[in-house]
Amino acid sequence: MLEIDFNQNYKISVKEPQVLRVIEPDGTLREEAELGYKPSEGELVKLYRYMVTARVLDRHALLLHRMGKVKSTYGPHEGHEAADAGTVHVLKPEDWIAPYYRMLTALLIRGVPLQTIWAKFFAKQGDPDKGRNLTVEWGGFAKWRILSVGAPIGHQYIYAAGFAYALRYMKRDEIVAAYIGDGGTSTNGFHTGLNFAGVFKLPVVFYVYNNQYAISVPVRSQTAVTRLAIKAAAYGIEGIATDGMDLLAVLKAAHYAVSKARRGEPVLVELITYRFGPHTTADDPATRYRDPAEAEEWRRYDPIARLGAYFKKYGILTEREIKLTWEEAEAEVKMAAKEAESYPEIPKEWIVEDVYSFIPPHLREELEEL
């Protein structure tokens, strides 16, 4: 007969992960930093250009939103550039991304044209979503291996785990990189996705952008743990934490996590960053819930300024070359916006297409009324 010891101590000790950092805020390499994965200078410069372009795109999107040209609410991207760039760069072209909405740099690295992004922002023909989603919800981007994302928080982890299960079932050498914000760790999707991936040892990396606020709720009001990566232990997977505003640290952590995921060992990676702007254009952090001095303090860690300082300190780029990068990005973003603004408006017929193989009478009647 099986004997069960009901007095067994089931408590486990979970060690808080150290936050990985490679570049100091002033651009200096840390003495103890051992990259393991070391990108070339050319790769870093290319990623820097993507980050700058995303920052310029973000600023212009906010400006044009105020002018009424960018449709629906917009979620600013500033502060997330390095987290995007590092995690996407280490993926293979055939790997999949289960995104969340604050991911402009990821779109650019994946090859989504600026004109296509602007067409989505303007709800013009050329928008892969045909004007049906919110501005920063990506739904028609599968050709770039980017899966759909909607408004429900945390759901990406659920379908990313299921998608990873399907990839393994079909014996495809691909993985899924899934992204949520820190608020997503308080949802069912977070726990369900991690548990499923942990049980079935799936080829998936789970990223959490810990940008300190879930809309107006600070992280300290969501959880008692000091590091979100600790939560991985409950599901039998590894959790690591990295400075998400340090491109070299993100690259190191992401390369490690992706390598494990390809072996069927899912990993949770906490990317510690800061959302410099509001949650969306419908939000007002400065007067409602956030001290402006806090944002200024976080500016010391700005991922683009920090990487630029590293380049100048170690002779990778000059001040003139950095300035030229910004000027080129400015011109490119403006030109793409002008082109997309000239695209035709979305026809009303698109509203009732893609659900049925034909337009049924009740939708035809509504369309005629419209």
Protein backbone atom coordinates (compact mmCIF):
# COMPACT_ATOMS: atom_id res chain seq x y z
CA MET A 1 0.00 0.00 0.00
CA LEU A 2 1.22 3.50 -0.85
CA GLU A 3 2.09 5.49 2.24
CA ILE A 4 1.71 9.24 2.14
CA ASP A 5 3.59 11.48 4.52
CA PHE A 6 1.15 14.27 5.28
CA ASN A 7 3.78 16.00 7.38
CA GLN A 8 6.08 16.54 4.41
CA ASN A 9 7.30 20.10 4.08
CA TYR A 10 6.29 21.36 0.67
CA LYS A 11 7.80 24.82 1.05
CA ILE A 12 10.34 25.78 -1.56
CA SER A 13 12.93 28.52 -1.52
CA VAL A 14 12.96 30.78 -4.56
CA LYS A 15 16.03 32.91 -5.05
CA GLU A 16 15.38 36.37 -6.42
CA PRO A 17 17.11 36.68 -9.81
CA GLN A 18 19.80 39.30 -10.20
CA VAL A 19 18.98 41.97 -12.77
CA LEU A 20 21.33 41.63 -15.74
CA ARG A 21 22.99 44.87 -16.82
CA VAL A 22 25.87 45.32 -19.28
CA ILE A 23 25.94 49.07 -20.04
CA GLU A 24 25.85 51.71 -17.31
CA PRO A 25 23.63 54.77 -17.85
CA ASP A 26 26.67 56.80 -18.99
CA GLY A 27 27.54 54.22 -21.67
CA THR A 28 30.36 52.50 -19.75
CA LEU A 29 30.63 48.72 -19.98
CA ARG A 30 30.41 47.03 -16.61
CA GLU A 31 33.65 45.30 -15.64
CA GLU A 32 31.97 42.02 -14.73
CA ALA A 33 29.83 41.93 -17.87
CA GLU A 34 30.39 38.75 -19.86
CA LEU A 35 28.14 38.75 -22.87
CA GLY A 36 28.29 35.11 -23.90
CA TYR A 37 26.38 36.21 -26.97
CA LYS A 38 28.30 39.07 -28.57
CA PRO A 39 26.76 40.88 -31.54
CA SER A 40 29.00 42.65 -34.03
CA GLU A 41 29.34 46.42 -34.06
CA GLY A 42 27.49 46.42 -37.38
CA GLU A 43 24.54 44.59 -35.83
CA LEU A 44 24.40 47.04 -32.93
CA VAL A 45 24.47 50.05 -35.25
CA LYS A 46 21.69 48.57 -37.34
CA LEU A 47 19.57 47.95 -34.24
CA TYR A 48 20.29 51.49 -33.06
CA ARG A 49 18.91 52.83 -36.34
CA TYR A 50 15.75 50.79 -35.92
CA MET A 51 15.36 52.12 -32.37
CA VAL A 52 15.82 55.72 -33.49
CA THR A 53 13.34 55.27 -36.34
CA ALA A 54 10.80 53.80 -33.93
CA ARG A 55 11.27 56.75 -31.53
CA VAL A 56 10.76 59.25 -34.36
CA LEU A 57 7.74 57.32 -35.63
CA ASP A 58 6.26 57.28 -32.14
CA ARG A 59 6.67 61.04 -31.68
CA HIS A 60 5.09 61.80 -35.05
CA ALA A 61 2.22 59.41 -34.33
CA LEU A 62 1.46 61.30 -31.13
CA LEU A 63 1.61 64.61 -32.98
CA LEU A 64 -0.68 63.45 -35.78
CA HIS A 65 -3.06 61.89 -33.26
CA ARG A 66 -3.56 65.33 -31.73
CA MET A 67 -4.37 66.58 -35.24
CA GLY A 68 -7.01 63.88 -35.61
CA LYS A 69 -5.18 62.00 -38.35
CA VAL A 70 -4.23 58.90 -36.31
CA LYS A 71 -7.47 57.05 -35.65
CA SER A 72 -8.57 55.72 -32.25
CA THR A 73 -6.39 55.90 -29.14
CA TYR A 74 -2.64 55.49 -29.50
CA GLY A 75 -0.23 53.76 -27.10
CA PRO A 76 3.20 55.45 -26.97
CA HIS A 77 6.31 53.31 -27.44
CA GLU A 78 9.05 55.53 -25.95
CA GLY A 79 11.26 53.63 -23.50
CA HIS A 80 10.62 50.19 -24.98
CA GLU A 81 12.95 50.36 -27.98
CA ALA A 82 15.84 48.28 -26.59
CA ALA A 83 13.51 45.62 -25.18
CA ASP A 84 11.93 45.22 -28.62
CA ALA A 85 15.16 45.32 -30.56
CA GLY A 86 17.09 42.82 -28.45
CA THR A 87 14.34 40.22 -28.14
CA VAL A 88 13.39 40.25 -31.84
CA HIS A 89 16.93 40.36 -33.22
CA VAL A 90 17.87 36.96 -31.76
CA LEU A 91 14.91 35.23 -33.42
CA LYS A 92 15.12 33.44 -36.74
CA PRO A 93 12.99 34.85 -39.60
CA GLU A 94 10.68 31.83 -39.37
CA ASP A 95 10.03 32.26 -35.64
CA TRP A 96 6.75 33.79 -34.48
CA ILE A 97 5.89 36.81 -32.36
CA ALA A 98 2.79 36.98 -30.15
CA PRO A 99 2.91 40.74 -29.58
CA TYR A 100 1.38 43.28 -27.36
CA TYR A 101 0.54 46.76 -28.50
CA ARG A 102 3.64 48.80 -27.59
CA MET A 103 6.04 47.24 -30.15
CA LEU A 104 6.97 49.62 -32.97
CA THR A 105 10.65 48.64 -33.03
CA ALA A 106 9.69 44.98 -33.36
CA LEU A 107 7.53 45.75 -36.40
CA LEU A 108 10.37 47.60 -38.12
CA ILE A 109 12.91 44.85 -37.44
CA ARG A 110 10.49 42.28 -38.80
CA GLY A 111 10.36 44.24 -42.04
CA VAL A 112 6.94 45.90 -41.82
CA PRO A 113 7.21 49.00 -44.07
CA LEU A 114 6.70 52.40 -42.50
CA GLN A 115 3.98 53.07 -45.07
CA THR A 116 2.07 50.03 -43.86
CA ILE A 117 2.28 51.17 -40.23
CA TRP A 118 1.10 54.65 -41.18
CA ALA A 119 -1.74 53.19 -43.26
CA LYS A 120 -2.88 51.37 -40.14
CA PHE A 121 -2.58 54.49 -38.02
CA PHE A 122 -4.58 56.48 -40.60
CA ALA A 123 -7.06 53.64 -41.27
CA LYS A 124 -6.34 53.83 -45.00
CA GLN A 125 -6.18 51.17 -47.70
CA GLY A 126 -2.89 49.40 -47.10
CA ASP A 127 -3.80 48.70 -43.49
CA PRO A 128 -3.48 44.89 -43.11
CA ASP A 129 -6.33 45.04 -40.56
CA LYS A 130 -8.60 46.92 -42.99
CA GLY A 131 -9.33 49.58 -40.39
CA ARG A 132 -10.99 47.16 -38.00
CA ASN A 133 -8.59 47.17 -35.05
CA LEU A 134 -7.43 49.86 -32.67
CA THR A 135 -4.36 51.75 -33.83
CA VAL A 136 -1.80 49.61 -31.99
CA GLU A 137 -3.52 46.23 -32.21
CA TRP A 138 -1.80 44.15 -34.85
CA GLY A 139 -4.16 41.64 -36.47
CA GLY A 140 -3.24 41.20 -40.13
CA PHE A 141 0.53 40.89 -39.90
CA ALA A 142 0.99 37.12 -40.27
CA LYS A 143 3.17 37.52 -43.39
CA TRP A 144 5.79 38.98 -41.03
CA ARG A 145 5.28 36.10 -38.59
CA ILE A 146 3.42 38.40 -36.19
CA LEU A 147 0.31 36.87 -34.64
CA SER A 148 -2.87 38.76 -33.80
CA VAL A 149 -3.33 40.80 -30.63
CA GLY A 150 -6.53 42.23 -29.23
CA ALA A 151 -7.64 44.31 -26.28
CA PRO A 152 -7.92 41.59 -23.57
CA ILE A 153 -4.86 41.75 -21.33
CA GLY A 154 -2.60 38.71 -21.01
CA HIS A 155 -4.33 36.55 -23.62
CA GLN A 156 -1.14 36.40 -25.73
CA TYR A 157 0.40 33.86 -23.37
CA ILE A 158 -2.49 31.45 -23.86
CA TYR A 159 -2.46 31.38 -27.63
CA ALA A 160 1.34 31.55 -27.78
CA ALA A 161 1.54 28.37 -25.71
CA GLY A 162 -1.05 26.67 -27.91
CA PHE A 163 0.72 27.84 -31.05
CA ALA A 164 4.04 26.52 -29.71
CA TYR A 165 2.37 23.18 -28.99
CA ALA A 166 1.17 23.04 -32.60
CA LEU A 167 4.64 23.86 -33.94
CA ARG A 168 6.14 21.01 -31.98
CA TYR A 169 3.34 18.65 -33.03
CA MET A 170 4.10 19.46 -36.66
CA LYS A 171 7.83 18.96 -35.99
CA ARG A 172 8.69 22.49 -37.12
CA ASP A 173 11.92 24.04 -35.89
CA GLU A 174 10.30 27.32 -34.88
CA ILE A 175 9.60 29.03 -31.58
CA VAL A 176 7.16 31.66 -30.31
CA ALA A 177 8.15 34.85 -28.47
CA ALA A 178 5.18 36.12 -26.45
CA TYR A 179 4.89 39.59 -24.93
CA ILE A 180 2.75 41.21 -22.24
CA GLY A 181 3.03 44.21 -19.93
CA ASP A 182 3.44 43.95 -16.17
CA GLY A 183 -0.34 44.27 -15.73
CA GLY A 184 -0.72 41.06 -17.69
CA THR A 185 0.87 39.09 -14.85
CA SER A 186 -2.35 39.66 -12.87
CA THR A 187 -4.49 37.89 -15.48
CA ASN A 188 -5.58 34.32 -16.06
CA GLY A 189 -3.72 34.29 -19.37
CA PHE A 190 -0.36 34.69 -17.63
CA HIS A 191 -0.87 31.72 -15.31
CA THR A 192 -2.57 29.50 -17.88
CA GLY A 193 0.08 30.09 -20.53
CA LEU A 194 3.03 29.50 -18.20
CA ASN A 195 1.47 26.41 -16.67
CA PHE A 196 0.66 24.82 -20.05
CA ALA A 197 4.13 25.58 -21.40
CA GLY A 198 5.81 24.27 -18.26
CA VAL A 199 3.86 21.01 -18.26
CA PHE A 200 4.38 20.27 -21.96
CA LYS A 201 7.91 21.74 -22.29
CA LEU A 202 7.05 24.00 -25.21
CA PRO A 203 9.29 26.06 -27.53
CA VAL A 204 8.19 29.46 -26.26
CA VAL A 205 9.79 32.45 -24.53
CA PHE A 206 7.53 34.61 -22.37
CA TYR A 207 8.52 38.27 -22.10
CA VAL A 208 7.10 40.71 -19.54
CA TYR A 209 7.64 44.40 -20.15
CA ASN A 210 7.78 45.66 -16.59
CA ASN A 211 7.35 49.35 -17.38
CA GLN A 212 6.23 50.08 -13.78
CA TYR A 213 2.56 50.79 -14.48
CA ALA A 214 -0.49 48.89 -15.72
CA ILE A 215 -2.31 52.01 -16.90
CA SER A 216 -2.48 53.82 -13.52
CA VAL A 217 -1.69 50.87 -11.22
CA PRO A 218 1.96 50.67 -10.09
CA VAL A 219 3.63 47.27 -9.89
CA ARG A 220 3.84 47.46 -6.08
CA SER A 221 0.02 47.51 -5.97
CA GLN A 222 -0.24 44.39 -8.13
CA THR A 223 2.14 42.00 -6.45
CA ALA A 224 4.24 41.58 -3.30
CA VAL A 225 7.22 40.04 -5.14
CA THR A 226 10.13 42.31 -5.90
CA ARG A 227 10.84 40.70 -9.28
CA LEU A 228 8.14 39.43 -11.64
CA ALA A 229 10.56 36.78 -12.95
CA ILE A 230 10.17 34.95 -9.61
CA LYS A 231 6.67 33.90 -10.68
CA ALA A 232 8.14 31.45 -13.20
CA ALA A 233 9.16 29.06 -10.39
CA ALA A 234 5.53 28.19 -9.69
CA TYR A 235 5.29 26.60 -13.13
CA GLY A 236 8.59 24.74 -13.17
CA ILE A 237 10.31 27.03 -15.64
CA GLU A 238 13.24 29.40 -15.35
CA GLY A 239 12.73 33.11 -14.76
CA ILE A 240 15.37 35.72 -15.46
CA ALA A 241 15.37 39.52 -15.13
CA THR A 242 17.25 42.02 -17.24
CA ASP A 243 17.56 45.76 -17.65
CA GLY A 244 15.17 46.25 -20.55
CA MET A 245 16.68 49.64 -21.39
CA ASP A 246 20.15 48.17 -21.97
CA LEU A 247 20.33 46.68 -25.48
CA LEU A 248 23.36 44.49 -24.76
CA ALA A 249 21.75 43.06 -21.63
CA VAL A 250 18.50 42.35 -23.51
CA LEU A 251 20.41 40.63 -26.31
CA LYS A 252 22.26 38.44 -23.81
CA ALA A 253 19.11 37.45 -21.91
CA ALA A 254 17.04 36.90 -25.06
CA HIS A 255 19.71 34.78 -26.74
CA TYR A 256 19.91 32.58 -23.65
CA ALA A 257 16.12 32.25 -23.41
CA VAL A 258 15.65 31.51 -27.11
CA SER A 259 18.38 28.86 -27.03
CA LYS A 260 16.58 27.11 -24.18
CA ALA A 261 13.19 27.39 -25.84
CA ARG A 262 14.49 25.62 -28.94
CA ARG A 263 15.30 22.68 -26.66
CA GLY A 264 11.78 22.64 -25.28
CA GLU A 265 12.62 24.58 -22.14
CA PRO A 266 10.33 27.64 -21.86
CA VAL A 267 11.67 30.71 -20.07
CA LEU A 268 10.08 33.79 -18.52
CA VAL A 269 12.11 36.98 -19.08
CA GLU A 270 11.31 40.15 -17.16
CA LEU A 271 12.37 43.26 -19.09
CA ILE A 272 12.64 46.15 -16.64
CA THR A 273 11.87 49.36 -18.46
CA TYR A 274 9.82 52.52 -18.15
CA ARG A 275 6.87 53.92 -20.04
CA PHE A 276 7.88 57.56 -20.53
CA GLY A 277 4.57 58.57 -22.04
CA PRO A 278 0.98 57.89 -21.01
CA HIS A 279 -0.55 54.43 -21.21
CA THR A 280 -2.50 55.68 -24.21
CA THR A 281 -3.61 59.06 -25.50
CA ALA A 282 -6.71 58.62 -23.31
CA ASP A 283 -4.50 58.69 -20.20
CA ASP A 284 -3.07 61.54 -18.10
CA PRO A 285 -0.29 60.24 -15.82
CA ALA A 286 1.32 63.57 -14.96
CA THR A 287 -1.72 64.96 -13.13
CA ARG A 288 -3.45 61.74 -12.07
CA TYR A 289 -1.04 59.18 -10.67
CA ARG A 290 2.64 59.75 -11.51
CA ASP A 291 5.14 62.27 -10.20
CA PRO A 292 6.86 63.95 -13.20
CA ALA A 293 10.13 63.81 -11.25
CA GLU A 294 9.95 60.01 -11.42
CA ALA A 295 9.91 60.04 -15.20
CA GLU A 296 12.84 62.44 -15.25
CA GLU A 297 14.83 60.13 -12.99
CA TRP A 298 14.18 57.23 -15.36
CA ARG A 299 15.48 59.37 -18.25
CA ARG A 300 18.98 58.50 -17.04
CA TYR A 301 18.35 55.02 -18.43
CA ASP A 302 16.87 56.10 -21.80
CA PRO A 303 17.77 53.14 -24.06
CA ILE A 304 18.65 55.22 -27.12
CA ALA A 305 20.70 57.89 -25.34
CA ARG A 306 22.46 55.15 -23.38
CA LEU A 307 23.40 53.16 -26.48
CA GLY A 308 24.53 56.35 -28.20
CA ALA A 309 26.77 57.15 -25.24
CA TYR A 310 28.24 53.63 -25.46
CA PHE A 311 28.93 54.10 -29.18
CA LYS A 312 30.72 57.41 -28.62
CA LYS A 313 32.70 56.15 -25.63
CA TYR A 314 34.06 53.13 -27.51
CA GLY A 315 34.48 54.73 -30.94
CA ILE A 316 31.69 52.86 -32.72
CA LEU A 317 29.83 55.98 -33.90
CA THR A 318 30.73 59.65 -33.78
CA GLU A 319 28.47 62.48 -32.62
CA ARG A 320 28.02 63.49 -36.27
CA GLU A 321 27.03 59.95 -37.31
CA ILE A 322 24.50 59.78 -34.48
CA LYS A 323 23.01 63.13 -35.51
CA LEU A 324 22.82 61.95 -39.12
CA THR A 325 20.96 58.81 -38.00
CA TRP A 326 18.27 60.96 -36.39
CA GLU A 327 18.02 63.23 -39.42
CA GLU A 328 17.65 60.28 -41.80
CA ALA A 329 15.00 58.68 -39.58
CA GLU A 330 13.08 61.97 -39.43
CA ALA A 331 13.05 62.29 -43.22
CA GLU A 332 12.11 58.64 -43.75
CA VAL A 333 9.22 58.73 -41.28
CA LYS A 334 7.81 61.96 -42.68
CA MET A 335 8.03 60.74 -46.26
CA ALA A 336 6.27 57.47 -45.39
CA ALA A 337 3.50 59.37 -43.56
CA LYS A 338 2.95 61.66 -46.53
CA GLU A 339 2.72 58.68 -48.88
CA ALA A 340 0.30 56.74 -46.65
CA GLU A 341 -1.89 59.79 -46.16
CA SER A 342 -2.48 59.82 -49.93
CA TYR A 343 -3.79 56.24 -49.91
CA PRO A 344 -7.51 55.80 -50.68
CA GLU A 345 -10.01 55.67 -47.85
CA ILE A 346 -11.21 52.23 -46.75
CA PRO A 347 -14.42 51.33 -48.64
CA LYS A 348 -17.54 50.71 -46.57
CA GLU A 349 -17.89 47.23 -48.07
CA TRP A 350 -14.87 46.05 -46.08
CA ILE A 351 -16.94 46.28 -42.90
CA VAL A 352 -19.06 43.27 -43.90
CA GLU A 353 -16.44 41.20 -45.73
CA ASP A 354 -14.29 38.29 -44.49
CA VAL A 355 -16.90 36.78 -42.16
CA TYR A 356 -19.10 34.90 -44.63
CA SER A 357 -18.29 33.59 -48.11
CA PHE A 358 -20.98 35.98 -49.34
CA ILE A 359 -22.65 39.04 -47.82
CA PRO A 360 -25.90 37.77 -46.21
CA PRO A 361 -29.15 39.75 -46.58
CA HIS A 362 -29.10 41.30 -43.09
CA LEU A 363 -25.59 42.67 -43.55
CA ARG A 364 -26.40 43.80 -47.09
CA GLU A 365 -29.34 45.75 -45.67
CA GLU A 366 -27.14 47.36 -43.02
CA LEU A 367 -24.51 48.23 -45.60
CA GLU A 368 -27.08 49.93 -47.83
CA GLU A 369 -28.40 51.87 -44.85
CA LEU A 370 -24.85 52.99 -44.02
